[in-house]
Amino acid sequence: MAQIKSQIKRIRTNELARQRNVSYRSRIATASKKVRVAVEKKDVEAAKEALKVATKLIDKSVTAGVYARNTAARKKSSLVKLVNSLDK
């Protein structure tokens, strides 16, 4: 266990950040799964609504520093591709 005050604080803040990151990632995974399930069921309206929610969560995660900008763009792009495949 650390004995230096600043290191003790650092350990505390790292744990809080880790918990926040896990929470964001879990919520994004759930939202992404809802999009995929809607696409599998070929439900266009549900897929578009789920995509809107997932995109919003992914954007918030970038602001919070959970994901890098390009990672978020890649995740959003793959979801949009899935939803767009329903229109064909």
PDB file of N, CA and C in Angstrom:
ATOM      1  N   MET A   1       0.844  -1.182   0.000  1.00  0.00           N
ATOM      2  CA  MET A   1       0.000   0.000   0.000  1.00  0.00           C
ATOM      3  C   MET A   1       0.886   1.239   0.000  1.00  0.00           C
ATOM      4  N   ALA A   2       0.484   2.226  -0.755  1.00  0.00           N
ATOM      5  CA  ALA A   2       1.248   3.468  -0.840  1.00  0.00           C
ATOM      6  C   ALA A   2       1.187   4.224   0.479  1.00  0.00           C
ATOM      7  N   GLN A   3       2.260   4.939   0.783  1.00  0.00           N
ATOM      8  CA  GLN A   3       2.299   5.728   2.010  1.00  0.00           C
ATOM      9  C   GLN A   3       2.344   7.223   1.725  1.00  0.00           C
ATOM     10  N   ILE A   4       2.662   7.562   0.484  1.00  0.00           N
ATOM     11  CA  ILE A   4       2.759   8.972   0.117  1.00  0.00           C
ATOM     12  C   ILE A   4       1.352   9.500  -0.161  1.00  0.00           C
ATOM     13  N   LYS A   5       1.065  10.673   0.406  1.00  0.00           N
ATOM     14  CA  LYS A   5      -0.281  11.242   0.320  1.00  0.00           C
ATOM     15  C   LYS A   5      -0.772  11.383  -1.121  1.00  0.00           C
ATOM     16  N   SER A   6       0.083  11.920  -1.973  1.00  0.00           N
ATOM     17  CA  SER A   6      -0.327  12.152  -3.361  1.00  0.00           C
ATOM     18  C   SER A   6      -0.590  10.837  -4.085  1.00  0.00           C
ATOM     19  N   GLN A   7       0.166   9.811  -3.748  1.00  0.00           N
ATOM     20  CA  GLN A   7      -0.043   8.510  -4.381  1.00  0.00           C
ATOM     21  C   GLN A   7      -1.336   7.864  -3.902  1.00  0.00           C
ATOM     22  N   ILE A   8      -1.668   8.061  -2.644  1.00  0.00           N
ATOM     23  CA  ILE A   8      -2.923   7.541  -2.103  1.00  0.00           C
ATOM     24  C   ILE A   8      -4.104   8.186  -2.843  1.00  0.00           C
ATOM     25  N   LYS A   9      -4.008   9.499  -3.037  1.00  0.00           N
ATOM     26  CA  LYS A   9      -5.065  10.211  -3.755  1.00  0.00           C
ATOM     27  C   LYS A   9      -5.141   9.722  -5.203  1.00  0.00           C
ATOM     28  N   ARG A  10      -3.994   9.494  -5.805  1.00  0.00           N
ATOM     29  CA  ARG A  10      -3.932   9.038  -7.193  1.00  0.00           C
ATOM     30  C   ARG A  10      -4.605   7.674  -7.336  1.00  0.00           C
ATOM     31  N   ILE A  11      -4.363   6.801  -6.372  1.00  0.00           N
ATOM     32  CA  ILE A  11      -4.982   5.473  -6.381  1.00  0.00           C
ATOM     33  C   ILE A  11      -6.500   5.612  -6.304  1.00  0.00           C
ATOM     34  N   ARG A  12      -6.959   6.530  -5.435  1.00  0.00           N
ATOM     35  CA  ARG A  12      -8.403   6.759  -5.285  1.00  0.00           C
ATOM     36  C   ARG A  12      -9.019   7.285  -6.580  1.00  0.00           C
ATOM     37  N   THR A  13      -8.393   8.286  -7.172  1.00  0.00           N
ATOM     38  CA  THR A  13      -8.960   8.882  -8.395  1.00  0.00           C
ATOM     39  C   THR A  13      -8.906   7.903  -9.562  1.00  0.00           C
ATOM     40  N   ASN A  14      -7.855   7.080  -9.634  1.00  0.00           N
ATOM     41  CA  ASN A  14      -7.781   6.076 -10.694  1.00  0.00           C
ATOM     42  C   ASN A  14      -8.909   5.063 -10.582  1.00  0.00           C
ATOM     43  N   GLU A  15      -9.227   4.682  -9.366  1.00  0.00           N
ATOM     44  CA  GLU A  15     -10.311   3.720  -9.159  1.00  0.00           C
ATOM     45  C   GLU A  15     -11.658   4.314  -9.561  1.00  0.00           C
ATOM     46  N   LEU A  16     -11.886   5.582  -9.227  1.00  0.00           N
ATOM     47  CA  LEU A  16     -13.125   6.249  -9.624  1.00  0.00           C
ATOM     48  C   LEU A  16     -13.234   6.333 -11.143  1.00  0.00           C
ATOM     49  N   ALA A  17     -12.125   6.674 -11.796  1.00  0.00           N
ATOM     50  CA  ALA A  17     -12.115   6.767 -13.256  1.00  0.00           C
ATOM     51  C   ALA A  17     -12.365   5.398 -13.874  1.00  0.00           C
ATOM     52  N   ARG A  18     -11.774   4.362 -13.298  1.00  0.00           N
ATOM     53  CA  ARG A  18     -11.953   3.005 -13.812  1.00  0.00           C
ATOM     54  C   ARG A  18     -13.424   2.593 -13.725  1.00  0.00           C
ATOM     55  N   GLN A  19     -14.052   2.885 -12.593  1.00  0.00           N
ATOM     56  CA  GLN A  19     -15.456   2.538 -12.425  1.00  0.00           C
ATOM     57  C   GLN A  19     -16.341   3.302 -13.405  1.00  0.00           C
ATOM     58  N   ARG A  20     -16.025   4.591 -13.624  1.00  0.00           N
ATOM     59  CA  ARG A  20     -16.796   5.381 -14.585  1.00  0.00           C
ATOM     60  C   ARG A  20     -16.636   4.806 -15.995  1.00  0.00           C
ATOM     61  N   ASN A  21     -15.395   4.432 -16.347  1.00  0.00           N
ATOM     62  CA  ASN A  21     -15.139   3.880 -17.675  1.00  0.00           C
ATOM     63  C   ASN A  21     -15.878   2.569 -17.890  1.00  0.00           C
ATOM     64  N   VAL A  22     -15.875   1.711 -16.872  1.00  0.00           N
ATOM     65  CA  VAL A  22     -16.573   0.428 -16.971  1.00  0.00           C
ATOM     66  C   VAL A  22     -18.063   0.675 -17.182  1.00  0.00           C
ATOM     67  N   SER A  23     -18.604   1.642 -16.456  1.00  0.00           N
ATOM     68  CA  SER A  23     -20.025   1.965 -16.566  1.00  0.00           C
ATOM     69  C   SER A  23     -20.364   2.438 -17.980  1.00  0.00           C
ATOM     70  N   TYR A  24     -19.576   3.370 -18.507  1.00  0.00           N
ATOM     71  CA  TYR A  24     -19.812   3.883 -19.867  1.00  0.00           C
ATOM     72  C   TYR A  24     -19.733   2.753 -20.889  1.00  0.00           C
ATOM     73  N   ARG A  25     -18.676   1.938 -20.780  1.00  0.00           N
ATOM     74  CA  ARG A  25     -18.482   0.872 -21.767  1.00  0.00           C
ATOM     75  C   ARG A  25     -19.617  -0.129 -21.729  1.00  0.00           C
ATOM     76  N   SER A  26     -20.102  -0.418 -20.538  1.00  0.00           N
ATOM     77  CA  SER A  26     -21.206  -1.357 -20.390  1.00  0.00           C
ATOM     78  C   SER A  26     -22.476  -0.796 -21.030  1.00  0.00           C
ATOM     79  N   ARG A  27     -22.758   0.475 -20.773  1.00  0.00           N
ATOM     80  CA  ARG A  27     -23.943   1.098 -21.347  1.00  0.00           C
ATOM     81  C   ARG A  27     -23.864   1.142 -22.869  1.00  0.00           C
ATOM     82  N   ILE A  28     -22.667   1.415 -23.395  1.00  0.00           N
ATOM     83  CA  ILE A  28     -22.484   1.457 -24.846  1.00  0.00           C
ATOM     84  C   ILE A  28     -22.647   0.058 -25.447  1.00  0.00           C
ATOM     85  N   ALA A  29     -22.126  -0.959 -24.780  1.00  0.00           N
ATOM     86  CA  ALA A  29     -22.255  -2.327 -25.269  1.00  0.00           C
ATOM     87  C   ALA A  29     -23.724  -2.739 -25.310  1.00  0.00           C
ATOM     88  N   THR A  30     -24.474  -2.360 -24.287  1.00  0.00           N
ATOM     89  CA  THR A  30     -25.898  -2.683 -24.238  1.00  0.00           C
ATOM     90  C   THR A  30     -26.652  -1.976 -25.358  1.00  0.00           C
ATOM     91  N   ALA A  31     -26.346  -0.701 -25.560  1.00  0.00           N
ATOM     92  CA  ALA A  31     -27.015   0.070 -26.609  1.00  0.00           C
ATOM     93  C   ALA A  31     -26.674  -0.491 -27.991  1.00  0.00           C
ATOM     94  N   SER A  32     -25.422  -0.879 -28.185  1.00  0.00           N
ATOM     95  CA  SER A  32     -25.000  -1.448 -29.469  1.00  0.00           C
ATOM     96  C   SER A  32     -25.700  -2.775 -29.722  1.00  0.00           C
ATOM     97  N   LYS A  33     -25.860  -3.555 -28.666  1.00  0.00           N
ATOM     98  CA  LYS A  33     -26.535  -4.842 -28.800  1.00  0.00           C
ATOM     99  C   LYS A  33     -27.994  -4.636 -29.193  1.00  0.00           C
ATOM    100  N   LYS A  34     -28.632  -3.603 -28.636  1.00  0.00           N
ATOM    101  CA  LYS A  34     -30.024  -3.317 -28.992  1.00  0.00           C
ATOM    102  C   LYS A  34     -30.149  -2.977 -30.470  1.00  0.00           C
ATOM    103  N   VAL A  35     -29.155  -2.249 -30.995  1.00  0.00           N
ATOM    104  CA  VAL A  35     -29.157  -1.916 -32.429  1.00  0.00           C
ATOM    105  C   VAL A  35     -29.047  -3.203 -33.240  1.00  0.00           C
ATOM    106  N   ARG A  36     -28.097  -4.078 -32.867  1.00  0.00           N
ATOM    107  CA  ARG A  36     -27.887  -5.318 -33.610  1.00  0.00           C
ATOM    108  C   ARG A  36     -29.120  -6.221 -33.570  1.00  0.00           C
ATOM    109  N   VAL A  37     -29.752  -6.300 -32.409  1.00  0.00           N
ATOM    110  CA  VAL A  37     -30.953  -7.133 -32.275  1.00  0.00           C
ATOM    111  C   VAL A  37     -32.075  -6.592 -33.164  1.00  0.00           C
ATOM    112  N   ALA A  38     -32.241  -5.271 -33.184  1.00  0.00           N
ATOM    113  CA  ALA A  38     -33.274  -4.669 -34.024  1.00  0.00           C
ATOM    114  C   ALA A  38     -32.989  -4.920 -35.505  1.00  0.00           C
ATOM    115  N   VAL A  39     -31.720  -4.878 -35.878  1.00  0.00           N
ATOM    116  CA  VAL A  39     -31.349  -5.129 -37.277  1.00  0.00           C
ATOM    117  C   VAL A  39     -31.634  -6.592 -37.633  1.00  0.00           C
ATOM    118  N   GLU A  40     -31.335  -7.517 -36.710  1.00  0.00           N
ATOM    119  CA  GLU A  40     -31.599  -8.936 -36.971  1.00  0.00           C
ATOM    120  C   GLU A  40     -33.090  -9.206 -37.148  1.00  0.00           C
ATOM    121  N   LYS A  41     -33.910  -8.462 -36.393  1.00  0.00           N
ATOM    122  CA  LYS A  41     -35.354  -8.617 -36.504  1.00  0.00           C
ATOM    123  C   LYS A  41     -35.919  -7.842 -37.693  1.00  0.00           C
ATOM    124  N   LYS A  42     -35.049  -7.102 -38.365  1.00  0.00           N
ATOM    125  CA  LYS A  42     -35.420  -6.272 -39.522  1.00  0.00           C
ATOM    126  C   LYS A  42     -36.454  -5.209 -39.154  1.00  0.00           C
ATOM    127  N   ASP A  43     -36.346  -4.684 -37.956  1.00  0.00           N
ATOM    128  CA  ASP A  43     -37.232  -3.630 -37.464  1.00  0.00           C
ATOM    129  C   ASP A  43     -36.528  -2.281 -37.662  1.00  0.00           C
ATOM    130  N   VAL A  44     -36.858  -1.603 -38.746  1.00  0.00           N
ATOM    131  CA  VAL A  44     -36.158  -0.379 -39.138  1.00  0.00           C
ATOM    132  C   VAL A  44     -36.340   0.727 -38.094  1.00  0.00           C
ATOM    133  N   GLU A  45     -37.577   0.926 -37.644  1.00  0.00           N
ATOM    134  CA  GLU A  45     -37.845   2.014 -36.690  1.00  0.00           C
ATOM    135  C   GLU A  45     -37.112   1.804 -35.369  1.00  0.00           C
ATOM    136  N   ALA A  46     -37.172   0.589 -34.854  1.00  0.00           N
ATOM    137  CA  ALA A  46     -36.495   0.288 -33.586  1.00  0.00           C
ATOM    138  C   ALA A  46     -34.985   0.431 -33.743  1.00  0.00           C
ATOM    139  N   ALA A  47     -34.470   0.012 -34.891  1.00  0.00           N
ATOM    140  CA  ALA A  47     -33.028   0.100 -35.143  1.00  0.00           C
ATOM    141  C   ALA A  47     -32.579   1.553 -35.182  1.00  0.00           C
ATOM    142  N   LYS A  48     -33.365   2.394 -35.843  1.00  0.00           N
ATOM    143  CA  LYS A  48     -32.992   3.815 -35.939  1.00  0.00           C
ATOM    144  C   LYS A  48     -33.064   4.491 -34.568  1.00  0.00           C
ATOM    145  N   GLU A  49     -34.061   4.131 -33.777  1.00  0.00           N
ATOM    146  CA  GLU A  49     -34.190   4.711 -32.433  1.00  0.00           C
ATOM    147  C   GLU A  49     -33.043   4.246 -31.538  1.00  0.00           C
ATOM    148  N   ALA A  50     -32.703   2.963 -31.620  1.00  0.00           N
ATOM    149  CA  ALA A  50     -31.596   2.425 -30.826  1.00  0.00           C
ATOM    150  C   ALA A  50     -30.272   3.033 -31.276  1.00  0.00           C
ATOM    151  N   LEU A  51     -30.139   3.280 -32.577  1.00  0.00           N
ATOM    152  CA  LEU A  51     -28.923   3.905 -33.097  1.00  0.00           C
ATOM    153  C   LEU A  51     -28.760   5.312 -32.545  1.00  0.00           C
ATOM    154  N   LYS A  52     -29.867   6.042 -32.453  1.00  0.00           N
ATOM    155  CA  LYS A  52     -29.818   7.402 -31.919  1.00  0.00           C
ATOM    156  C   LYS A  52     -29.311   7.397 -30.473  1.00  0.00           C
ATOM    157  N   VAL A  53     -29.814   6.467 -29.678  1.00  0.00           N
ATOM    158  CA  VAL A  53     -29.404   6.351 -28.272  1.00  0.00           C
ATOM    159  C   VAL A  53     -27.933   5.956 -28.179  1.00  0.00           C
ATOM    160  N   ALA A  54     -27.533   4.970 -28.984  1.00  0.00           N
ATOM    161  CA  ALA A  54     -26.149   4.491 -28.951  1.00  0.00           C
ATOM    162  C   ALA A  54     -25.176   5.589 -29.380  1.00  0.00           C
ATOM    163  N   THR A  55     -25.527   6.335 -30.410  1.00  0.00           N
ATOM    164  CA  THR A  55     -24.662   7.413 -30.896  1.00  0.00           C
ATOM    165  C   THR A  55     -24.471   8.480 -29.828  1.00  0.00           C
ATOM    166  N   LYS A  56     -25.553   8.802 -29.142  1.00  0.00           N
ATOM    167  CA  LYS A  56     -25.480   9.807 -28.086  1.00  0.00           C
ATOM    168  C   LYS A  56     -24.548   9.338 -26.957  1.00  0.00           C
ATOM    169  N   LEU A  57     -24.673   8.072 -26.574  1.00  0.00           N
ATOM    170  CA  LEU A  57     -23.821   7.529 -25.517  1.00  0.00           C
ATOM    171  C   LEU A  57     -22.348   7.515 -25.937  1.00  0.00           C
ATOM    172  N   ILE A  58     -22.097   7.133 -27.182  1.00  0.00           N
ATOM    173  CA  ILE A  58     -20.724   7.080 -27.675  1.00  0.00           C
ATOM    174  C   ILE A  58     -20.112   8.476 -27.688  1.00  0.00           C
ATOM    175  N   ASP A  59     -20.889   9.473 -28.122  1.00  0.00           N
ATOM    176  CA  ASP A  59     -20.392  10.844 -28.131  1.00  0.00           C
ATOM    177  C   ASP A  59     -20.087  11.339 -26.719  1.00  0.00           C
ATOM    178  N   LYS A  60     -20.953  10.986 -25.775  1.00  0.00           N
ATOM    179  CA  LYS A  60     -20.716  11.390 -24.384  1.00  0.00           C
ATOM    180  C   LYS A  60     -19.461  10.729 -23.833  1.00  0.00           C
ATOM    181  N   SER A  61     -19.198   9.504 -24.255  1.00  0.00           N
ATOM    182  CA  SER A  61     -18.014   8.806 -23.755  1.00  0.00           C
ATOM    183  C   SER A  61     -16.732   9.474 -24.240  1.00  0.00           C
ATOM    184  N   VAL A  62     -16.777  10.064 -25.429  1.00  0.00           N
ATOM    185  CA  VAL A  62     -15.608  10.795 -25.937  1.00  0.00           C
ATOM    186  C   VAL A  62     -15.378  12.041 -25.084  1.00  0.00           C
ATOM    187  N   THR A  63     -16.473  12.728 -24.767  1.00  0.00           N
ATOM    188  CA  THR A  63     -16.375  13.931 -23.944  1.00  0.00           C
ATOM    189  C   THR A  63     -15.825  13.604 -22.564  1.00  0.00           C
ATOM    190  N   ALA A  64     -16.216  12.447 -22.026  1.00  0.00           N
ATOM    191  CA  ALA A  64     -15.760  12.039 -20.703  1.00  0.00           C
ATOM    192  C   ALA A  64     -14.346  11.469 -20.737  1.00  0.00           C
ATOM    193  N   GLY A  65     -13.830  11.204 -21.933  1.00  0.00           N
ATOM    194  CA  GLY A  65     -12.467  10.689 -22.043  1.00  0.00           C
ATOM    195  C   GLY A  65     -12.380   9.178 -21.955  1.00  0.00           C
ATOM    196  N   VAL A  66     -13.502   8.501 -22.098  1.00  0.00           N
ATOM    197  CA  VAL A  66     -13.514   7.044 -22.019  1.00  0.00           C
ATOM    198  C   VAL A  66     -12.974   6.457 -23.319  1.00  0.00           C
ATOM    199  N   TYR A  67     -13.428   6.985 -24.445  1.00  0.00           N
ATOM    200  CA  TYR A  67     -12.969   6.536 -25.758  1.00  0.00           C
ATOM    201  C   TYR A  67     -12.250   7.665 -26.476  1.00  0.00           C
ATOM    202  N   ALA A  68     -11.304   7.283 -27.328  1.00  0.00           N
ATOM    203  CA  ALA A  68     -10.643   8.257 -28.197  1.00  0.00           C
ATOM    204  C   ALA A  68     -11.612   8.608 -29.326  1.00  0.00           C
ATOM    205  N   ARG A  69     -11.385   9.740 -29.950  1.00  0.00           N
ATOM    206  CA  ARG A  69     -12.276  10.247 -30.992  1.00  0.00           C
ATOM    207  C   ARG A  69     -12.433   9.243 -32.149  1.00  0.00           C
ATOM    208  N   ASN A  70     -11.326   8.681 -32.611  1.00  0.00           N
ATOM    209  CA  ASN A  70     -11.385   7.757 -33.748  1.00  0.00           C
ATOM    210  C   ASN A  70     -12.056   6.442 -33.381  1.00  0.00           C
ATOM    211  N   THR A  71     -11.861   5.988 -32.161  1.00  0.00           N
ATOM    212  CA  THR A  71     -12.515   4.760 -31.711  1.00  0.00           C
ATOM    213  C   THR A  71     -14.024   4.942 -31.722  1.00  0.00           C
ATOM    214  N   ALA A  72     -14.462   6.080 -31.218  1.00  0.00           N
ATOM    215  CA  ALA A  72     -15.894   6.378 -31.192  1.00  0.00           C
ATOM    216  C   ALA A  72     -16.438   6.469 -32.616  1.00  0.00           C
ATOM    217  N   ALA A  73     -15.694   7.101 -33.496  1.00  0.00           N
ATOM    218  CA  ALA A  73     -16.136   7.242 -34.892  1.00  0.00           C
ATOM    219  C   ALA A  73     -16.269   5.866 -35.546  1.00  0.00           C
ATOM    220  N   ARG A  74     -15.337   4.981 -35.246  1.00  0.00           N
ATOM    221  CA  ARG A  74     -15.374   3.633 -35.808  1.00  0.00           C
ATOM    222  C   ARG A  74     -16.594   2.860 -35.300  1.00  0.00           C
ATOM    223  N   LYS A  75     -16.879   2.984 -34.011  1.00  0.00           N
ATOM    224  CA  LYS A  75     -18.031   2.298 -33.424  1.00  0.00           C
ATOM    225  C   LYS A  75     -19.338   2.823 -34.027  1.00  0.00           C
ATOM    226  N   LYS A  76     -19.444   4.151 -34.127  1.00  0.00           N
ATOM    227  CA  LYS A  76     -20.657   4.739 -34.700  1.00  0.00           C
ATOM    228  C   LYS A  76     -20.816   4.326 -36.160  1.00  0.00           C
ATOM    229  N   SER A  77     -19.723   4.329 -36.897  1.00  0.00           N
ATOM    230  CA  SER A  77     -19.761   3.993 -38.312  1.00  0.00           C
ATOM    231  C   SER A  77     -20.259   2.568 -38.535  1.00  0.00           C
ATOM    232  N   SER A  78     -19.782   1.638 -37.721  1.00  0.00           N
ATOM    233  CA  SER A  78     -20.189   0.247 -37.899  1.00  0.00           C
ATOM    234  C   SER A  78     -21.680   0.075 -37.595  1.00  0.00           C
ATOM    235  N   LEU A  79     -22.171   0.798 -36.586  1.00  0.00           N
ATOM    236  CA  LEU A  79     -23.598   0.725 -36.260  1.00  0.00           C
ATOM    237  C   LEU A  79     -24.455   1.340 -37.370  1.00  0.00           C
ATOM    238  N   VAL A  80     -24.002   2.459 -37.903  1.00  0.00           N
ATOM    239  CA  VAL A  80     -24.749   3.122 -38.988  1.00  0.00           C
ATOM    240  C   VAL A  80     -24.796   2.212 -40.216  1.00  0.00           C
ATOM    241  N   LYS A  81     -23.683   1.549 -40.503  1.00  0.00           N
ATOM    242  CA  LYS A  81     -23.645   0.622 -41.642  1.00  0.00           C
ATOM    243  C   LYS A  81     -24.684  -0.481 -41.469  1.00  0.00           C
ATOM    244  N   LEU A  82     -24.774  -1.011 -40.262  1.00  0.00           N
ATOM    245  CA  LEU A  82     -25.766  -2.057 -39.981  1.00  0.00           C
ATOM    246  C   LEU A  82     -27.180  -1.571 -40.245  1.00  0.00           C
ATOM    247  N   VAL A  83     -27.498  -0.408 -39.713  1.00  0.00           N
ATOM    248  CA  VAL A  83     -28.855   0.135 -39.859  1.00  0.00           C
ATOM    249  C   VAL A  83     -29.137   0.461 -41.321  1.00  0.00           C
ATOM    250  N   ASN A  84     -28.155   0.997 -42.011  1.00  0.00           N
ATOM    251  CA  ASN A  84     -28.347   1.330 -43.429  1.00  0.00           C
ATOM    252  C   ASN A  84     -28.527   0.093 -44.295  1.00  0.00           C
ATOM    253  N   SER A  85     -28.015  -1.043 -43.836  1.00  0.00           N
ATOM    254  CA  SER A  85     -28.161  -2.275 -44.616  1.00  0.00           C
ATOM    255  C   SER A  85     -29.618  -2.726 -44.670  1.00  0.00           C
ATOM    256  N   LEU A  86     -30.439  -2.242 -43.728  1.00  0.00           N
ATOM    257  CA  LEU A  86     -31.865  -2.593 -43.726  1.00  0.00           C
ATOM    258  C   LEU A  86     -32.632  -1.915 -44.863  1.00  0.00           C
ATOM    259  N   ASP A  87     -32.170  -0.746 -45.290  1.00  0.00           N
ATOM    260  CA  ASP A  87     -32.890   0.018 -46.314  1.00  0.00           C
ATOM    261  C   ASP A  87     -32.796  -0.626 -47.690  1.00  0.00           C
ATOM    262  N   LYS A  88     -31.813  -1.475 -47.875  1.00  0.00           N
ATOM    263  CA  LYS A  88     -31.604  -2.078 -49.210  1.00  0.00           C
ATOM    264  C   LYS A  88     -32.559  -3.202 -49.477  1.00  0.00           C
TER     265      LYS A  88
END
